[in-house]
Amino acid sequence: FGSAHLSFYMGAGAKEGRMIKPEDFSGKKIRSMGPAENAMLSAYGANPTTMAFGDVPPALETGVIDGLLTSLGGFNVVKDQAPYFSVAGVNGIVGDYYWIGASNKRWNGLADDQ
């Protein structure tokens, strides 16, 4: 058996300019989804701000945050507020999808109640 938290087209969206290198995040307020991203953003010199995705569009509009880490699907929602998006490995440690897999041999060996 195996499991993973996968990211598909994860990247960074910003109000002003693309964020590609770690130093591009320095001093910026960036929306994150949790502790793993917070640690990375802090290491980059950013100010991580954890918030629900529904709060992101107004936070971008009012300057509460300067950018966000999100999936391509999330970027499509906020592209008017954060027109710069870089698909990158910056967010590869977390993502939107969970994967659970097993070989046929292992799967077929499970009891009915498992």
C-alpha atoms as a PDB file:
ATOM      1  CA  PHE A   1       0.000   0.000   0.000  1.00  0.00           C
ATOM      2  CA  GLY A   2       1.022   3.572  -0.470  1.00  0.00           C
ATOM      3  CA  SER A   3      -0.475   7.013  -0.119  1.00  0.00           C
ATOM      4  CA  ALA A   4       0.557  10.527  -1.006  1.00  0.00           C
ATOM      5  CA  HIS A   5      -0.631  14.104  -1.020  1.00  0.00           C
ATOM      6  CA  LEU A   6      -0.212  15.150  -4.642  1.00  0.00           C
ATOM      7  CA  SER A   7      -0.043  18.603  -6.152  1.00  0.00           C
ATOM      8  CA  PHE A   8      -1.155  19.289  -9.672  1.00  0.00           C
ATOM      9  CA  TYR A   9       0.073  22.476 -11.276  1.00  0.00           C
ATOM     10  CA  MET A  10       0.722  24.103  -7.923  1.00  0.00           C
ATOM     11  CA  GLY A  11       2.425  27.457  -7.937  1.00  0.00           C
ATOM     12  CA  ALA A  12       2.505  31.031  -6.714  1.00  0.00           C
ATOM     13  CA  GLY A  13       0.123  33.803  -7.702  1.00  0.00           C
ATOM     14  CA  ALA A  14       0.895  37.469  -7.105  1.00  0.00           C
ATOM     15  CA  LYS A  15      -0.552  40.932  -7.514  1.00  0.00           C
ATOM     16  CA  GLU A  16       2.691  42.415  -8.822  1.00  0.00           C
ATOM     17  CA  GLY A  17       5.256  40.369 -10.704  1.00  0.00           C
ATOM     18  CA  ARG A  18       5.961  36.664 -10.786  1.00  0.00           C
ATOM     19  CA  MET A  19       7.430  34.870  -7.780  1.00  0.00           C
ATOM     20  CA  ILE A  20       9.922  32.330  -9.062  1.00  0.00           C
ATOM     21  CA  LYS A  21      13.011  32.421  -6.843  1.00  0.00           C
ATOM     22  CA  PRO A  22      12.990  32.232  -3.044  1.00  0.00           C
ATOM     23  CA  GLU A  23      14.105  35.857  -2.791  1.00  0.00           C
ATOM     24  CA  ASP A  24      10.996  36.903  -4.767  1.00  0.00           C
ATOM     25  CA  PHE A  25       8.936  35.945  -1.688  1.00  0.00           C
ATOM     26  CA  SER A  26      11.001  37.953   0.791  1.00  0.00           C
ATOM     27  CA  GLY A  27       8.989  40.541   2.710  1.00  0.00           C
ATOM     28  CA  LYS A  28       5.700  39.615   1.046  1.00  0.00           C
ATOM     29  CA  LYS A  29       2.503  38.509   2.775  1.00  0.00           C
ATOM     30  CA  ILE A  30       1.602  35.186   1.152  1.00  0.00           C
ATOM     31  CA  ARG A  31      -1.536  33.114   1.726  1.00  0.00           C
ATOM     32  CA  SER A  32      -0.781  29.530   2.635  1.00  0.00           C
ATOM     33  CA  MET A  33      -2.872  26.521   3.541  1.00  0.00           C
ATOM     34  CA  GLY A  34      -1.024  25.225   6.566  1.00  0.00           C
ATOM     35  CA  PRO A  35       2.121  24.424   8.521  1.00  0.00           C
ATOM     36  CA  ALA A  36       4.191  22.831   5.739  1.00  0.00           C
ATOM     37  CA  GLU A  37       3.780  25.855   3.512  1.00  0.00           C
ATOM     38  CA  ASN A  38       4.261  28.234   6.432  1.00  0.00           C
ATOM     39  CA  ALA A  39       7.670  26.736   7.175  1.00  0.00           C
ATOM     40  CA  MET A  40       8.747  27.036   3.556  1.00  0.00           C
ATOM     41  CA  LEU A  41       7.476  30.603   3.193  1.00  0.00           C
ATOM     42  CA  SER A  42       9.193  31.654   6.415  1.00  0.00           C
ATOM     43  CA  ALA A  43      12.450  30.157   5.140  1.00  0.00           C
ATOM     44  CA  TYR A  44      12.014  32.276   1.996  1.00  0.00           C
ATOM     45  CA  GLY A  45      11.620  35.417   4.137  1.00  0.00           C
ATOM     46  CA  ALA A  46       7.892  35.795   3.477  1.00  0.00           C
ATOM     47  CA  ASN A  47       5.158  36.441   6.021  1.00  0.00           C
ATOM     48  CA  PRO A  48       2.876  33.377   5.698  1.00  0.00           C
ATOM     49  CA  THR A  49      -0.807  34.036   6.252  1.00  0.00           C
ATOM     50  CA  THR A  50      -3.091  31.032   6.642  1.00  0.00           C
ATOM     51  CA  MET A  51      -6.650  31.687   5.482  1.00  0.00           C
ATOM     52  CA  ALA A  52      -9.565  29.924   3.857  1.00  0.00           C
ATOM     53  CA  PHE A  53      -9.642  30.208   0.090  1.00  0.00           C
ATOM     54  CA  GLY A  54     -12.943  32.120   0.152  1.00  0.00           C
ATOM     55  CA  ASP A  55     -11.168  34.966   1.957  1.00  0.00           C
ATOM     56  CA  VAL A  56      -8.400  35.235  -0.653  1.00  0.00           C
ATOM     57  CA  PRO A  57     -10.005  37.451  -3.349  1.00  0.00           C
ATOM     58  CA  PRO A  58     -10.926  40.295  -0.972  1.00  0.00           C
ATOM     59  CA  ALA A  59      -7.609  39.906   0.879  1.00  0.00           C
ATOM     60  CA  LEU A  60      -5.755  40.422  -2.414  1.00  0.00           C
ATOM     61  CA  GLU A  61      -7.967  43.374  -3.338  1.00  0.00           C
ATOM     62  CA  THR A  62      -7.453  45.146  -0.011  1.00  0.00           C
ATOM     63  CA  GLY A  63      -3.730  44.394   0.353  1.00  0.00           C
ATOM     64  CA  VAL A  64      -4.066  42.037   3.308  1.00  0.00           C
ATOM     65  CA  ILE A  65      -1.925  39.627   1.256  1.00  0.00           C
ATOM     66  CA  ASP A  66       0.419  40.174  -1.691  1.00  0.00           C
ATOM     67  CA  GLY A  67       0.076  36.720  -3.204  1.00  0.00           C
ATOM     68  CA  LEU A  68      -0.802  33.095  -2.603  1.00  0.00           C
ATOM     69  CA  LEU A  69       0.234  29.512  -3.065  1.00  0.00           C
ATOM     70  CA  THR A  70      -2.500  27.639  -4.896  1.00  0.00           C
ATOM     71  CA  SER A  71      -3.345  25.203  -7.647  1.00  0.00           C
ATOM     72  CA  LEU A  72      -4.044  26.193 -11.220  1.00  0.00           C
ATOM     73  CA  GLY A  73      -7.735  25.779 -10.436  1.00  0.00           C
ATOM     74  CA  GLY A  74      -7.407  28.206  -7.532  1.00  0.00           C
ATOM     75  CA  PHE A  75      -5.526  30.653  -9.705  1.00  0.00           C
ATOM     76  CA  ASN A  76      -8.391  30.648 -12.208  1.00  0.00           C
ATOM     77  CA  VAL A  77     -10.612  31.995  -9.419  1.00  0.00           C
ATOM     78  CA  VAL A  78      -8.252  34.844  -8.410  1.00  0.00           C
ATOM     79  CA  LYS A  79      -6.551  35.694 -11.715  1.00  0.00           C
ATOM     80  CA  ASP A  80      -8.168  39.146 -11.753  1.00  0.00           C
ATOM     81  CA  GLN A  81      -6.740  39.961  -8.304  1.00  0.00           C
ATOM     82  CA  ALA A  82      -3.401  38.138  -8.771  1.00  0.00           C
ATOM     83  CA  PRO A  83      -2.661  38.122 -12.520  1.00  0.00           C
ATOM     84  CA  TYR A  84       0.859  36.705 -12.194  1.00  0.00           C
ATOM     85  CA  PHE A  85       1.071  32.928 -11.717  1.00  0.00           C
ATOM     86  CA  SER A  86       4.118  30.698 -11.838  1.00  0.00           C
ATOM     87  CA  VAL A  87       3.660  26.940 -11.974  1.00  0.00           C
ATOM     88  CA  ALA A  88       6.643  25.772 -10.025  1.00  0.00           C
ATOM     89  CA  GLY A  89       7.990  23.295  -7.531  1.00  0.00           C
ATOM     90  CA  VAL A  90       7.664  25.844  -4.728  1.00  0.00           C
ATOM     91  CA  ASN A  91       4.473  24.190  -3.589  1.00  0.00           C
ATOM     92  CA  GLY A  92       5.285  20.572  -4.320  1.00  0.00           C
ATOM     93  CA  ILE A  93       5.091  19.519  -0.676  1.00  0.00           C
ATOM     94  CA  VAL A  94       1.327  19.969  -0.438  1.00  0.00           C
ATOM     95  CA  GLY A  95      -1.535  19.905  -2.858  1.00  0.00           C
ATOM     96  CA  ASP A  96      -5.157  19.362  -3.637  1.00  0.00           C
ATOM     97  CA  TYR A  97      -5.421  15.626  -4.114  1.00  0.00           C
ATOM     98  CA  TYR A  98      -4.874  12.475  -2.101  1.00  0.00           C
ATOM     99  CA  TRP A  99      -3.757   9.233  -3.692  1.00  0.00           C
ATOM    100  CA  ILE A 100      -4.035   5.775  -2.188  1.00  0.00           C
ATOM    101  CA  GLY A 101      -2.812   2.747  -4.088  1.00  0.00           C
ATOM    102  CA  ALA A 102      -2.193  -0.959  -3.693  1.00  0.00           C
ATOM    103  CA  SER A 103      -0.947  -3.743  -5.904  1.00  0.00           C
ATOM    104  CA  ASN A 104      -3.530  -6.214  -7.178  1.00  0.00           C
ATOM    105  CA  LYS A 105      -1.846  -8.958  -5.146  1.00  0.00           C
ATOM    106  CA  ARG A 106      -2.173  -6.951  -1.921  1.00  0.00           C
ATOM    107  CA  TRP A 107      -5.685  -5.693  -2.713  1.00  0.00           C
ATOM    108  CA  ASN A 108      -6.974  -9.172  -3.544  1.00  0.00           C
ATOM    109  CA  GLY A 109      -5.467 -10.476  -0.307  1.00  0.00           C
ATOM    110  CA  LEU A 110      -7.680  -8.250   1.848  1.00  0.00           C
ATOM    111  CA  ALA A 111     -10.590  -9.743   3.749  1.00  0.00           C
ATOM    112  CA  ASP A 112     -14.105  -8.510   2.901  1.00  0.00           C
ATOM    113  CA  ASP A 113     -14.345  -6.520   6.121  1.00  0.00           C
ATOM    114  CA  GLN A 114     -11.132  -4.640   5.404  1.00  0.00           C
END
